[in-house]
Amino acid sequence: MMTLLHRLSVLGVILLLVVGCGQVPQTEVLQIWSHQGQEAENRAMREIVAAFNEAHAGLGIRATIDFFPDYQYTERLSIAAAAGDMPDVFGVDGPTVAQFVDGGLLLPLAEYFSDEELDDFLDTIIEQGSIDGQLYTLGAFDSALVLYYDRVIFEEAGIEPPPFGEAWDWETFLAACQQLKDHGILPVSLHMDITADEWYTYAFSPLIWSGGGDLIDVEGNRINEVLNSAENVRTLSAWQALFDEGFASRSPRNPNPFGAGESAMDWNGHWMARSHLEAKGQRLGVMPLPQIGEYAAAACGSWSWAIASTTAKPDTAALWVRWITDPETGILPLVSAGGAVPSRQSAFELFPQYEEEPFRLFRELLESHGRPRPQTPLYPNLTQHFAAALRDIAQGADVQERLDQAAAAVQRLADR
């Protein structure tokens, strides 16, 4: 099979012949869809599209991009798929890749990249975009979840943080929470005010994995006795104690209590690093999430790019995927705008801050313990029911009973 690079070489020769004959190449329009992120990211994306169009004008290629709010993005794609009117290339959130592959909506990507190029991507990016050993998506950035802390508050409360890059065990974490509560400050913010289901699965599944549990047996399509396993009941009972003991708020009013000095620690993602640095400066510390069991696991996953199986121009769509995931043309502007974690090893050279705290920890966690959320077409239902269970457990619901309910609801869907 002729690779993309070979096909582009042939295309370049044809272009030279056409231009030599005084003909203008016919414009080929590439339709791109993306979720609507932060405004800075949207601006960067528009600039990337403009640069792509300028660079490919000689080939008669022009890209257009449409943004849709997160809450309606997947629905718009589903409607477009049903109508046979998919865009050529579109953004896919990491945990939903399996759903799109199961629907036959994505083309494999590996032929459009050399082995050397694919080896440059973080393993977490390759893993989140691969189903049954076949690569379907690639992203320009990844995500990381950490425990931020205030060094001054820790010192005043007599708490010694762990060495950089090391995590507390659960008992040490609870002891620190008790000291902070006795000191008169909320120990940790867990952001139970967030309405999106995905926060809960993203933020707390690392605890499930650390405790030796899982959310689903993907190969067996089994949720019963997995989501509601004894390991998960034990883990989430320990997590529930954070609320019972007053270490975390069940119903927070301030979306950023850590930045406001109302909490000593913040269970949060890379997206808060810039804000926390601005508010705290040298007071800001960062550590991995506390480890509740013998396993170390770190959250990861973010938006990536896929080629629609219905496109009539897969090679052109692949040019976009290569452009948006290139360290200079895609990763640099996007990461600079949004503050996410670069998806390629070579791209870290463009961001000196990743040699320092807190950013260095983001990279180390992804390289050592990053674990994508379950790759299953059932994921949208799984995350919905798991998040609902976590909300209720935080409010005091019986852990076993609530996990049994969630497992039964998702299993019914799986059995259909």
Protein backbone atom coordinates (compact mmCIF):
# COMPACT_ATOMS: atom_id res chain seq x y z
CA MET A 1 0.00 0.00 0.00
CA MET A 2 1.32 3.42 -0.92
CA THR A 3 1.97 5.47 2.22
CA LEU A 4 0.71 9.01 2.71
CA LEU A 5 4.18 10.43 2.20
CA HIS A 6 4.48 8.59 -1.13
CA ARG A 7 1.05 9.81 -2.18
CA LEU A 8 1.97 13.39 -1.28
CA SER A 9 5.15 13.14 -3.34
CA VAL A 10 3.08 12.09 -6.34
CA LEU A 11 0.63 14.90 -5.61
CA GLY A 12 3.48 17.41 -5.52
CA VAL A 13 4.71 16.28 -8.95
CA ILE A 14 1.19 16.63 -10.37
CA LEU A 15 0.96 20.14 -8.87
CA LEU A 16 4.21 21.17 -10.54
CA LEU A 17 2.93 19.91 -13.89
CA VAL A 18 -0.38 21.76 -13.43
CA VAL A 19 1.30 25.01 -12.43
CA GLY A 20 3.75 24.63 -15.28
CA CYS A 21 0.81 24.49 -17.65
CA GLY A 22 -0.58 27.68 -16.13
CA GLN A 23 -3.55 25.96 -14.50
CA VAL A 24 -4.83 26.73 -10.99
CA PRO A 25 -5.50 23.60 -8.89
CA GLN A 26 -9.14 23.08 -7.97
CA THR A 27 -9.86 23.83 -4.31
CA GLU A 28 -10.59 20.84 -2.10
CA VAL A 29 -12.43 21.82 1.09
CA LEU A 30 -11.69 19.87 4.27
CA GLN A 31 -14.48 20.03 6.85
CA ILE A 32 -13.31 19.92 10.49
CA TRP A 33 -15.46 19.71 13.63
CA SER A 34 -14.24 20.42 17.13
CA HIS A 35 -15.71 20.77 20.60
CA GLN A 36 -15.80 24.31 21.94
CA GLY A 37 -13.04 24.60 24.52
CA GLN A 38 -11.61 27.62 26.28
CA GLU A 39 -11.69 30.78 24.20
CA ALA A 40 -7.87 30.92 24.13
CA GLU A 41 -7.81 27.39 22.69
CA ASN A 42 -10.49 28.28 20.13
CA ARG A 43 -8.48 31.28 18.98
CA ALA A 44 -5.37 29.12 18.71
CA MET A 45 -7.32 26.54 16.71
CA ARG A 46 -8.55 29.17 14.24
CA GLU A 47 -4.98 30.42 13.82
CA ILE A 48 -3.78 26.85 13.24
CA VAL A 49 -6.44 26.39 10.56
CA ALA A 50 -5.36 29.64 8.90
CA ALA A 51 -1.71 28.55 8.94
CA PHE A 52 -2.68 25.14 7.54
CA ASN A 53 -4.59 26.80 4.70
CA GLU A 54 -1.69 29.10 3.87
CA ALA A 55 0.78 26.20 3.85
CA HIS A 56 -1.44 24.04 1.62
CA ALA A 57 -2.84 26.67 -0.72
CA GLY A 58 -0.51 25.50 -3.47
CA LEU A 59 -2.08 22.06 -3.25
CA GLY A 60 -5.56 23.53 -3.64
CA ILE A 61 -6.53 22.52 -0.08
CA ARG A 62 -8.57 24.69 2.28
CA ALA A 63 -9.86 23.68 5.72
CA THR A 64 -12.94 25.02 7.51
CA ILE A 65 -13.67 24.45 11.19
CA ASP A 66 -16.90 24.47 13.20
CA PHE A 67 -17.09 24.46 17.00
CA PHE A 68 -19.88 22.94 19.07
CA PRO A 69 -20.46 23.12 22.85
CA ASP A 70 -19.42 20.01 24.78
CA TYR A 71 -22.96 19.21 25.90
CA GLN A 72 -24.19 18.84 22.30
CA TYR A 73 -21.03 17.78 20.48
CA THR A 74 -21.47 14.01 20.61
CA GLU A 75 -25.16 14.36 19.76
CA ARG A 76 -24.33 16.46 16.69
CA LEU A 77 -21.86 13.82 15.55
CA SER A 78 -24.45 11.06 16.07
CA ILE A 79 -27.03 12.97 14.02
CA ALA A 80 -24.48 13.61 11.28
CA ALA A 81 -23.51 9.92 11.23
CA ALA A 82 -27.14 8.83 10.94
CA ALA A 83 -27.67 11.28 8.09
CA GLY A 84 -24.48 10.27 6.29
CA ASP A 85 -23.17 13.82 6.61
CA MET A 86 -20.07 13.47 8.79
CA PRO A 87 -17.21 15.99 8.66
CA ASP A 88 -13.96 14.77 7.13
CA VAL A 89 -12.01 14.98 10.38
CA PHE A 90 -13.20 15.68 13.92
CA GLY A 91 -12.19 15.82 17.55
CA VAL A 92 -12.92 12.81 19.78
CA ASP A 93 -12.72 12.78 23.57
CA GLY A 94 -10.37 10.01 24.73
CA PRO A 95 -12.84 7.74 26.56
CA THR A 96 -15.34 7.80 23.67
CA VAL A 97 -12.97 6.41 21.00
CA ALA A 98 -14.32 2.87 21.43
CA GLN A 99 -17.88 4.08 20.90
CA PHE A 100 -16.99 5.64 17.54
CA VAL A 101 -14.94 2.63 16.46
CA ASP A 102 -17.79 0.31 17.41
CA GLY A 103 -20.06 2.39 15.17
CA GLY A 104 -17.64 2.01 12.24
CA LEU A 105 -17.09 5.77 12.08
CA LEU A 106 -13.28 6.02 12.20
CA LEU A 107 -10.44 5.19 9.82
CA PRO A 108 -7.14 3.74 11.12
CA LEU A 109 -4.31 6.27 11.31
CA ALA A 110 -1.08 4.28 11.55
CA GLU A 111 -0.31 4.29 7.81
CA TYR A 112 -0.10 8.09 7.85
CA PHE A 113 2.76 8.17 10.39
CA SER A 114 6.15 6.49 10.47
CA ASP A 115 7.05 4.17 13.34
CA GLU A 116 9.55 6.77 14.53
CA GLU A 117 6.85 9.44 14.63
CA LEU A 118 4.44 7.22 16.56
CA ASP A 119 7.17 6.33 19.05
CA ASP A 120 7.48 10.05 19.78
CA PHE A 121 3.92 10.20 21.20
CA LEU A 122 3.31 9.50 24.87
CA ASP A 123 2.22 5.92 25.48
CA THR A 124 -0.99 7.25 27.05
CA ILE A 125 -1.91 8.99 23.79
CA ILE A 126 -1.32 5.84 21.74
CA GLU A 127 -3.22 3.70 24.25
CA GLN A 128 -6.26 5.97 24.43
CA GLY A 129 -6.50 6.08 20.63
CA SER A 130 -6.05 2.34 20.02
CA ILE A 131 -8.77 -0.32 19.96
CA ASP A 132 -7.84 -3.99 19.51
CA GLY A 133 -4.32 -2.99 18.49
CA GLN A 134 -5.46 -0.57 15.79
CA LEU A 135 -4.70 3.17 16.11
CA TYR A 136 -7.68 5.44 15.39
CA THR A 137 -6.93 8.80 17.05
CA LEU A 138 -4.00 11.02 17.97
CA GLY A 139 -4.02 14.13 20.12
CA ALA A 140 -1.91 17.24 20.48
CA PHE A 141 -2.02 17.14 24.28
CA ASP A 142 -2.80 14.98 27.29
CA SER A 143 -4.03 15.68 30.82
CA ALA A 144 -2.78 15.08 34.35
CA LEU A 145 -4.35 14.98 37.81
CA VAL A 146 -2.43 15.89 40.96
CA LEU A 147 -2.79 16.98 44.56
CA TYR A 148 -1.81 20.65 44.90
CA TYR A 149 -0.90 21.94 48.37
CA ASP A 150 0.04 25.18 50.10
CA ARG A 151 3.56 24.93 51.55
CA VAL A 152 3.01 27.69 54.11
CA ILE A 153 -0.20 26.15 55.47
CA PHE A 154 1.52 22.77 55.67
CA GLU A 155 4.41 24.27 57.63
CA GLU A 156 2.07 26.11 60.00
CA ALA A 157 0.13 22.87 60.62
CA GLY A 158 3.32 20.87 61.16
CA ILE A 159 2.93 18.71 58.04
CA GLU A 160 5.91 17.41 56.08
CA PRO A 161 5.08 16.85 52.40
CA PRO A 162 6.52 13.80 50.65
CA PRO A 163 9.64 14.11 48.45
CA PHE A 164 8.86 15.41 44.99
CA GLY A 165 7.19 12.78 42.81
CA GLU A 166 6.28 10.49 45.70
CA ALA A 167 2.72 9.90 46.90
CA TRP A 168 1.37 9.61 50.42
CA ASP A 169 -0.28 6.36 51.40
CA TRP A 170 -3.91 6.72 52.45
CA GLU A 171 -3.20 6.63 56.19
CA THR A 172 -0.63 9.44 55.92
CA PHE A 173 -3.07 11.45 53.81
CA LEU A 174 -5.82 11.05 56.43
CA ALA A 175 -3.43 12.00 59.24
CA ALA A 176 -2.49 15.17 57.35
CA CYS A 177 -6.17 15.95 56.79
CA GLN A 178 -6.81 15.64 60.53
CA GLN A 179 -3.92 17.97 61.33
CA LEU A 180 -5.21 20.53 58.85
CA LYS A 181 -8.74 20.32 60.21
CA ASP A 182 -7.37 20.83 63.73
CA HIS A 183 -5.45 23.81 62.36
CA GLY A 184 -8.79 25.35 61.35
CA ILE A 185 -8.80 24.98 57.56
CA LEU A 186 -10.62 22.70 55.14
CA PRO A 187 -8.08 19.99 54.33
CA VAL A 188 -8.87 19.23 50.67
CA SER A 189 -11.19 20.41 47.93
CA LEU A 190 -12.68 17.62 45.79
CA HIS A 191 -15.00 19.81 43.68
CA MET A 192 -18.26 18.04 44.36
CA ASP A 193 -20.02 21.10 42.91
CA ILE A 194 -19.03 20.14 39.35
CA THR A 195 -22.08 19.04 37.38
CA ALA A 196 -20.30 17.16 34.57
CA ASP A 197 -20.27 13.39 35.07
CA GLU A 198 -16.83 13.05 33.57
CA TRP A 199 -15.11 14.90 36.42
CA TYR A 200 -16.05 12.16 38.88
CA THR A 201 -14.84 9.26 36.74
CA TYR A 202 -11.67 11.08 35.72
CA ALA A 203 -10.87 12.34 39.22
CA PHE A 204 -11.58 9.26 41.31
CA SER A 205 -11.03 6.21 39.08
CA PRO A 206 -7.28 6.36 39.96
CA LEU A 207 -8.34 5.53 43.52
CA ILE A 208 -10.34 2.57 42.23
CA TRP A 209 -7.32 1.28 40.31
CA SER A 210 -4.95 1.93 43.21
CA GLY A 211 -7.21 -0.14 45.45
CA GLY A 212 -7.01 -3.10 43.09
CA GLY A 213 -10.44 -2.60 41.53
CA ASP A 214 -11.81 -1.67 38.13
CA LEU A 215 -14.91 -0.13 36.59
CA ILE A 216 -15.65 -2.79 33.98
CA ASP A 217 -14.28 -6.02 32.56
CA VAL A 218 -13.99 -4.78 28.99
CA GLU A 219 -13.19 -8.14 27.39
CA GLY A 220 -16.09 -9.90 29.10
CA ASN A 221 -18.43 -6.91 28.86
CA ARG A 222 -19.08 -7.48 32.56
CA ILE A 223 -19.93 -4.80 35.11
CA ASN A 224 -21.59 -6.82 37.87
CA GLU A 225 -19.04 -7.98 40.46
CA VAL A 226 -16.55 -5.54 38.93
CA LEU A 227 -17.93 -2.05 39.55
CA ASN A 228 -19.51 -3.29 42.80
CA SER A 229 -16.58 -5.51 43.84
CA ALA A 230 -15.35 -5.85 47.40
CA GLU A 231 -12.23 -3.87 46.43
CA ASN A 232 -14.30 -0.95 45.18
CA VAL A 233 -16.58 -1.00 48.21
CA ARG A 234 -13.52 -0.84 50.46
CA THR A 235 -11.95 1.98 48.41
CA LEU A 236 -15.07 4.13 48.22
CA SER A 237 -15.89 3.58 51.88
CA ALA A 238 -12.47 5.07 52.66
CA TRP A 239 -13.19 7.92 50.23
CA GLN A 240 -16.60 8.53 51.83
CA ALA A 241 -14.85 9.02 55.16
CA LEU A 242 -13.30 12.24 53.81
CA PHE A 243 -16.78 13.77 53.88
CA ASP A 244 -17.91 12.08 57.09
CA GLU A 245 -14.85 13.43 58.92
CA GLY A 246 -15.24 16.94 57.53
CA PHE A 247 -12.02 16.73 55.52
CA ALA A 248 -13.84 17.66 52.27
CA SER A 249 -17.03 19.55 51.58
CA ARG A 250 -20.10 17.70 50.32
CA SER A 251 -21.64 20.89 48.92
CA PRO A 252 -18.94 23.49 48.23
CA ARG A 253 -19.98 26.99 47.23
CA ASN A 254 -16.64 28.30 45.99
CA PRO A 255 -15.42 26.58 42.81
CA ASN A 256 -11.80 27.41 43.73
CA PRO A 257 -11.41 27.24 47.53
CA PHE A 258 -7.69 26.44 47.26
CA GLY A 259 -6.92 29.55 45.23
CA ALA A 260 -8.93 31.60 47.73
CA GLY A 261 -7.02 30.19 50.70
CA GLU A 262 -10.02 28.27 52.04
CA SER A 263 -8.48 24.80 51.64
CA ALA A 264 -4.95 23.50 52.13
CA MET A 265 -5.00 20.98 49.27
CA ASP A 266 -6.68 20.75 45.87
CA TRP A 267 -7.48 17.46 44.08
CA ASN A 268 -7.34 18.90 40.57
CA GLY A 269 -5.93 18.82 37.08
CA HIS A 270 -3.18 20.45 35.06
CA TRP A 271 -5.64 23.12 33.92
CA MET A 272 -5.40 24.83 37.32
CA ALA A 273 -1.59 25.03 37.40
CA ARG A 274 -1.30 28.52 35.91
CA SER A 275 -4.04 29.92 38.11
CA HIS A 276 -2.62 28.34 41.26
CA LEU A 277 0.89 29.57 40.45
CA GLU A 278 -0.45 33.07 39.99
CA ALA A 279 -2.28 32.91 43.33
CA LYS A 280 0.38 31.06 45.35
CA GLY A 281 3.76 31.57 43.74
CA GLN A 282 6.48 29.75 45.70
CA ARG A 283 3.87 28.56 48.20
CA LEU A 284 2.51 26.10 45.63
CA GLY A 285 3.49 22.48 46.03
CA VAL A 286 2.35 19.44 44.10
CA MET A 287 2.33 15.68 44.68
CA PRO A 288 0.73 12.61 43.09
CA LEU A 289 -2.70 11.60 44.37
CA PRO A 290 -2.61 9.59 47.60
CA GLN A 291 -2.26 5.87 46.98
CA ILE A 292 -5.05 3.91 48.63
CA GLY A 293 -3.69 0.46 47.75
CA GLU A 294 -0.55 -1.18 46.44
CA TYR A 295 -0.99 0.02 42.86
CA ALA A 296 0.08 3.40 41.47
CA ALA A 297 -2.25 4.88 38.85
CA ALA A 298 -2.54 8.34 37.31
CA ALA A 299 -5.41 9.86 35.38
CA CYS A 300 -4.84 10.81 31.75
CA GLY A 301 -6.72 11.32 28.50
CA SER A 302 -8.00 14.25 26.50
CA TRP A 303 -9.31 15.31 23.10
CA SER A 304 -7.77 13.73 20.02
CA TRP A 305 -8.28 13.73 16.26
CA ALA A 306 -9.92 11.14 14.02
CA ILE A 307 -10.64 10.72 10.32
CA ALA A 308 -14.24 9.89 9.47
CA SER A 309 -14.70 6.56 7.70
CA THR A 310 -17.12 8.29 5.31
CA THR A 311 -14.70 10.92 4.04
CA ALA A 312 -13.91 11.00 0.33
CA LYS A 313 -10.55 12.64 1.07
CA PRO A 314 -8.72 10.59 3.73
CA ASP A 315 -5.25 11.69 2.62
CA THR A 316 -6.18 15.35 2.99
CA ALA A 317 -7.75 14.65 6.38
CA ALA A 318 -4.51 12.94 7.40
CA LEU A 319 -2.60 16.10 6.47
CA TRP A 320 -4.66 17.90 9.11
CA VAL A 321 -4.03 15.24 11.77
CA ARG A 322 -0.31 15.47 11.05
CA TRP A 323 -0.43 19.28 11.18
CA ILE A 324 -2.38 19.55 14.44
CA THR A 325 -0.19 16.95 16.20
CA ASP A 326 3.11 18.36 14.90
CA PRO A 327 5.20 19.87 17.74
CA GLU A 328 5.65 23.22 16.00
CA THR A 329 2.45 23.73 13.99
CA GLY A 330 -0.09 22.21 16.39
CA ILE A 331 1.18 21.33 19.84
CA LEU A 332 3.07 24.56 20.49
CA PRO A 333 0.15 26.95 19.90
CA LEU A 334 -2.46 24.71 21.55
CA VAL A 335 -0.48 23.94 24.70
CA SER A 336 0.61 27.57 24.97
CA ALA A 337 -3.05 28.62 24.84
CA GLY A 338 -4.61 26.01 27.12
CA GLY A 339 -1.83 24.81 29.39
CA ALA A 340 -2.32 21.09 28.71
CA VAL A 341 0.47 18.52 28.64
CA PRO A 342 2.27 18.08 25.27
CA SER A 343 1.51 14.75 23.63
CA ARG A 344 4.96 14.15 22.12
CA GLN A 345 8.35 13.68 23.75
CA SER A 346 10.03 16.03 21.28
CA ALA A 347 7.49 18.75 22.05
CA PHE A 348 8.61 19.05 25.69
CA GLU A 349 11.73 20.79 24.42
CA LEU A 350 9.50 23.71 23.43
CA PHE A 351 8.26 24.14 27.02
CA PRO A 352 11.11 24.77 29.52
CA GLN A 353 8.61 24.86 32.40
CA TYR A 354 8.38 21.07 32.20
CA GLU A 355 11.78 20.92 33.84
CA GLU A 356 10.33 22.58 36.95
CA GLU A 357 7.48 22.13 39.44
CA PRO A 358 4.57 21.69 39.09
CA PHE A 359 4.73 20.88 35.36
CA ARG A 360 7.51 18.33 35.69
CA LEU A 361 5.24 16.11 37.77
CA PHE A 362 2.55 16.08 35.04
CA ARG A 363 5.02 14.60 32.57
CA GLU A 364 6.46 12.10 35.07
CA LEU A 365 3.02 10.81 36.04
CA LEU A 366 1.99 10.26 32.43
CA GLU A 367 5.25 8.54 31.59
CA SER A 368 5.18 6.23 34.62
CA HIS A 369 1.61 5.60 35.80
CA GLY A 370 -0.85 7.05 33.26
CA ARG A 371 -3.91 4.84 32.75
CA PRO A 372 -6.69 5.72 30.31
CA ARG A 373 -10.32 5.31 31.29
CA PRO A 374 -11.99 2.08 30.12
CA GLN A 375 -12.12 1.64 26.34
CA THR A 376 -15.65 0.37 25.80
CA PRO A 377 -18.68 1.46 23.74
CA LEU A 378 -20.55 1.40 27.06
CA TYR A 379 -18.42 4.19 28.46
CA PRO A 380 -20.99 7.04 28.24
CA ASN A 381 -23.44 4.98 30.30
CA LEU A 382 -20.75 3.71 32.64
CA THR A 383 -19.48 7.18 33.51
CA GLN A 384 -23.02 8.50 33.97
CA HIS A 385 -23.97 5.81 36.49
CA PHE A 386 -20.60 5.78 38.25
CA ALA A 387 -20.69 9.56 38.69
CA ALA A 388 -24.23 9.43 40.06
CA ALA A 389 -23.15 6.75 42.54
CA LEU A 390 -20.19 8.85 43.70
CA ARG A 391 -22.40 11.88 44.27
CA ASP A 392 -24.75 9.82 46.43
CA ILE A 393 -21.91 8.12 48.31
CA ALA A 394 -20.43 11.52 49.13
CA GLN A 395 -23.81 12.47 50.61
CA GLY A 396 -23.80 9.38 52.83
CA ALA A 397 -25.43 6.62 50.77
CA ASP A 398 -24.56 3.01 51.54
CA VAL A 399 -21.55 2.21 49.38
CA GLN A 400 -22.35 -1.42 48.56
CA GLU A 401 -26.00 -0.71 47.84
CA ARG A 402 -25.25 2.27 45.61
CA LEU A 403 -22.56 0.44 43.61
CA ASP A 404 -24.90 -2.54 43.21
CA GLN A 405 -27.51 -0.23 41.68
CA ALA A 406 -25.01 1.37 39.30
CA ALA A 407 -23.56 -1.98 38.24
CA ALA A 408 -27.01 -3.45 37.59
CA ALA A 409 -28.04 -0.43 35.47
CA VAL A 410 -24.96 -0.59 33.23
CA GLN A 411 -25.07 -4.41 33.03
CA ARG A 412 -28.64 -4.27 31.70
CA LEU A 413 -27.41 -2.06 28.86
CA ALA A 414 -24.46 -4.37 28.20
CA ASP A 415 -26.70 -7.44 28.05
CA ARG A 416 -28.84 -5.86 25.35
